[in-house]
Amino acid sequence: MDFLIRQATPEDAEAVVHMHTLAHEETYGDRLSAEFFRTRRASIPERVERRRPFLAGSDPRIIAVDANHEVVGLADSGPARDEDGPEALELYSLYTLRRTHGSGVGAALLSAAIGESPAYLWVLENNPRAQAFYVKHGFRPDGTRGQLPPEWEELPEIRMVRSERARS
C-alpha cells in the first residue's frame, strides 16, 4: 500500500474526525454499545470544530494519506498528561483503518509521532492486537491500570512504557 505520512493541518480536521470515527467503529465495535457509536456519529460536526485548533498546534499531529488522498491513519503525541507519567513523552493515540493493517502504516505513524524516544501510552486492556503492536515496538505494560471515562463506558485500560533502559 502506498501512503504519505505528514503533519496534519486544521484543514484536515473533517477527514481526520471521519477516519477516527470509522477506526473506533472497526476497533471497538464489539466492545462498546451501539448507542456509543450513534452518539459519536451525531457529534462529528462538533468534534471537527474542536479538532481544528488541536491540529494547529506544534506537537506531532501526524496523518497517513493513501494514494486516493484519503486519511487512513493518525497518531499524536506530546507532553505526559499523567502526574506519575513514567516518561516525559506520551503517545496520545494511534489509529489506522483495518484495510491498512499489516501494511506498515502504523509503524510509520509511530515513528513520525515519537521516533525512538522513551514514551508511554494507554491501550484498552482487551485489545490484544494493539498491545502486540506496541510490544513489537519496545513497549511493555508497567502494571498501571485505569478506566476510560463514563462516556467511553468505563472500559479498562493499561499503561505501556518504552523506557531508555528497556531499549539499551
Protein backbone atom coordinates (compact mmCIF):
# COMPACT_ATOMS: atom_id res chain seq x y z
CA MET A 1 0.00 0.00 0.00
CA ASP A 2 1.31 3.42 -0.94
CA PHE A 3 0.88 6.10 1.69
CA LEU A 4 2.23 9.51 2.66
CA ILE A 5 2.97 10.44 6.28
CA ARG A 6 2.68 14.14 7.09
CA GLN A 7 1.82 16.65 9.79
CA ALA A 8 -1.93 17.29 9.86
CA THR A 9 -3.29 20.81 9.42
CA PRO A 10 -6.56 22.40 10.55
CA GLU A 11 -7.86 21.86 7.02
CA ASP A 12 -7.60 18.09 7.63
CA ALA A 13 -9.97 18.20 10.61
CA GLU A 14 -13.06 16.83 8.87
CA ALA A 15 -11.22 13.96 7.18
CA VAL A 16 -9.38 13.15 10.42
CA VAL A 17 -12.57 13.04 12.50
CA HIS A 18 -14.35 10.85 9.95
CA MET A 19 -11.39 8.45 9.77
CA HIS A 20 -11.05 8.41 13.56
CA THR A 21 -14.76 7.63 13.93
CA LEU A 22 -14.54 4.75 11.44
CA ALA A 23 -11.40 3.42 13.15
CA HIS A 24 -13.23 3.44 16.50
CA GLU A 25 -16.10 1.50 14.94
CA GLU A 26 -13.72 -1.04 13.41
CA THR A 27 -11.60 -1.40 16.52
CA TYR A 28 -14.17 -1.20 19.31
CA GLY A 29 -17.38 -2.37 17.59
CA ASP A 30 -17.54 -5.43 19.83
CA ARG A 31 -16.58 -3.56 23.00
CA LEU A 32 -18.84 -0.50 23.02
CA SER A 33 -22.61 -0.14 22.68
CA ALA A 34 -24.49 0.83 19.54
CA GLU A 35 -25.61 3.96 21.42
CA PHE A 36 -21.98 4.98 21.92
CA PHE A 37 -21.40 4.89 18.15
CA ARG A 38 -24.68 6.71 17.37
CA THR A 39 -23.58 9.47 19.74
CA ARG A 40 -20.11 9.62 18.13
CA ARG A 41 -21.61 9.91 14.64
CA ALA A 42 -24.04 12.62 15.76
CA SER A 43 -21.19 14.63 17.30
CA ILE A 44 -18.98 14.68 14.19
CA PRO A 45 -19.62 18.38 13.29
CA GLU A 46 -18.81 19.49 16.86
CA ARG A 47 -15.74 17.25 17.01
CA VAL A 48 -14.45 18.65 13.71
CA GLU A 49 -14.58 22.18 15.14
CA ARG A 50 -12.81 21.08 18.34
CA ARG A 51 -10.15 19.27 16.31
CA ARG A 52 -9.15 22.28 14.15
CA PRO A 53 -7.22 24.16 16.88
CA PHE A 54 -5.70 20.88 18.10
CA LEU A 55 -4.29 20.30 14.60
CA ALA A 56 -2.86 23.82 14.56
CA GLY A 57 -0.51 23.07 17.46
CA SER A 58 3.19 22.37 17.20
CA ASP A 59 3.13 18.88 18.75
CA PRO A 60 3.12 15.95 16.34
CA ARG A 61 -0.34 15.52 14.81
CA ILE A 62 0.54 13.01 12.13
CA ILE A 63 -1.71 11.52 9.46
CA ALA A 64 -1.28 8.83 6.85
CA VAL A 65 -2.84 9.55 3.47
CA ASP A 66 -3.30 6.84 0.85
CA ALA A 67 -2.91 7.04 -2.94
CA ASN A 68 -6.56 8.20 -3.20
CA HIS A 69 -5.78 11.14 -0.85
CA GLU A 70 -7.88 9.60 1.93
CA VAL A 71 -6.77 9.77 5.56
CA VAL A 72 -6.18 6.16 6.63
CA GLY A 73 -4.37 6.68 9.92
CA LEU A 74 -3.42 9.15 12.61
CA ALA A 75 -1.06 9.45 15.54
CA ASP A 76 -0.46 12.23 18.00
CA SER A 77 1.83 12.74 20.94
CA GLY A 78 3.02 15.38 23.34
CA PRO A 79 3.97 16.07 26.93
CA ALA A 80 2.96 13.47 29.50
CA ARG A 81 -0.53 14.07 30.91
CA ASP A 82 -0.23 11.70 33.90
CA GLU A 83 1.13 13.22 37.10
CA ASP A 84 3.06 10.00 37.65
CA GLY A 85 3.97 9.65 33.98
CA PRO A 86 6.89 7.23 33.67
CA GLU A 87 8.31 9.20 30.73
CA ALA A 88 8.09 12.82 29.62
CA LEU A 89 6.53 11.91 26.24
CA GLU A 90 3.08 10.35 25.79
CA LEU A 91 1.64 8.78 22.65
CA TYR A 92 -1.92 10.08 22.89
CA SER A 93 -3.36 7.99 20.08
CA LEU A 94 -2.54 5.87 17.09
CA TYR A 95 -5.30 4.55 14.82
CA THR A 96 -5.31 3.04 11.36
CA LEU A 97 -8.17 1.74 9.28
CA ARG A 98 -8.48 -2.03 9.19
CA ARG A 99 -7.66 -2.16 5.47
CA THR A 100 -4.17 -0.85 6.26
CA HIS A 101 -3.31 -3.41 8.94
CA GLY A 102 -0.02 -5.13 8.16
CA SER A 103 0.98 -2.51 5.59
CA GLY A 104 3.49 -0.58 7.73
CA VAL A 105 1.22 2.45 8.15
CA GLY A 106 1.03 2.01 11.93
CA ALA A 107 4.80 1.67 12.32
CA ALA A 108 5.36 4.74 10.11
CA LEU A 109 2.89 6.78 12.17
CA LEU A 110 4.50 5.66 15.43
CA SER A 111 7.93 6.59 14.13
CA ALA A 112 6.75 10.01 12.95
CA ALA A 113 4.96 10.75 16.23
CA ILE A 114 7.60 9.67 18.76
CA GLY A 115 10.60 8.29 16.87
CA GLU A 116 12.71 6.03 19.10
CA SER A 117 12.13 8.19 22.18
CA PRO A 118 11.16 6.79 25.55
CA ALA A 119 7.40 7.23 25.86
CA TYR A 120 4.26 5.76 27.33
CA LEU A 121 0.68 5.20 26.20
CA TRP A 122 -2.67 3.85 27.32
CA VAL A 123 -4.34 0.96 25.48
CA LEU A 124 -7.52 -0.98 26.12
CA GLU A 125 -6.94 -3.99 28.32
CA ASN A 126 -8.99 -6.06 25.86
CA ASN A 127 -7.09 -5.08 22.72
CA PRO A 128 -4.50 -7.81 22.15
CA ARG A 129 -3.77 -6.70 18.57
CA ALA A 130 -2.76 -3.19 19.66
CA GLN A 131 -0.82 -4.50 22.65
CA ALA A 132 1.15 -6.89 20.41
CA PHE A 133 1.93 -4.00 18.04
CA TYR A 134 3.28 -1.89 20.90
CA VAL A 135 5.31 -4.78 22.36
CA LYS A 136 6.88 -5.22 18.91
CA HIS A 137 7.96 -1.55 19.16
CA GLY A 138 9.51 -1.85 22.61
CA PHE A 139 6.60 -1.02 24.93
CA ARG A 140 5.81 -3.11 27.99
CA PRO A 141 2.92 -2.96 30.46
CA ASP A 142 4.06 -1.24 33.67
CA GLY A 143 1.26 -2.64 35.84
CA THR A 144 -0.76 0.58 35.94
CA ARG A 145 -4.44 0.21 35.15
CA GLY A 146 -7.16 2.73 34.55
CA GLN A 147 -10.64 3.16 33.20
CA LEU A 148 -11.92 5.29 30.40
CA PRO A 149 -14.48 7.94 31.43
CA PRO A 150 -18.22 7.14 31.59
CA GLU A 151 -18.85 8.44 28.05
CA TRP A 152 -16.45 5.68 26.91
CA GLU A 153 -18.39 3.16 29.02
CA GLU A 154 -15.54 2.90 31.55
CA LEU A 155 -13.60 0.34 29.56
CA PRO A 156 -10.48 -0.87 31.40
CA GLU A 157 -7.10 0.15 30.04
CA ILE A 158 -3.45 -0.48 30.82
CA ARG A 159 -0.38 1.73 30.57
CA MET A 160 2.55 0.61 28.45
CA VAL A 161 6.02 2.15 28.61
CA ARG A 162 9.08 2.21 26.40
CA SER A 163 11.92 3.41 28.57
CA GLU A 164 15.51 4.27 27.74
CA ARG A 165 16.69 1.40 29.95
CA ALA A 166 14.45 -1.14 28.18
CA ARG A 167 15.85 -0.15 24.77
CA SER A 168 19.52 -0.31 25.84
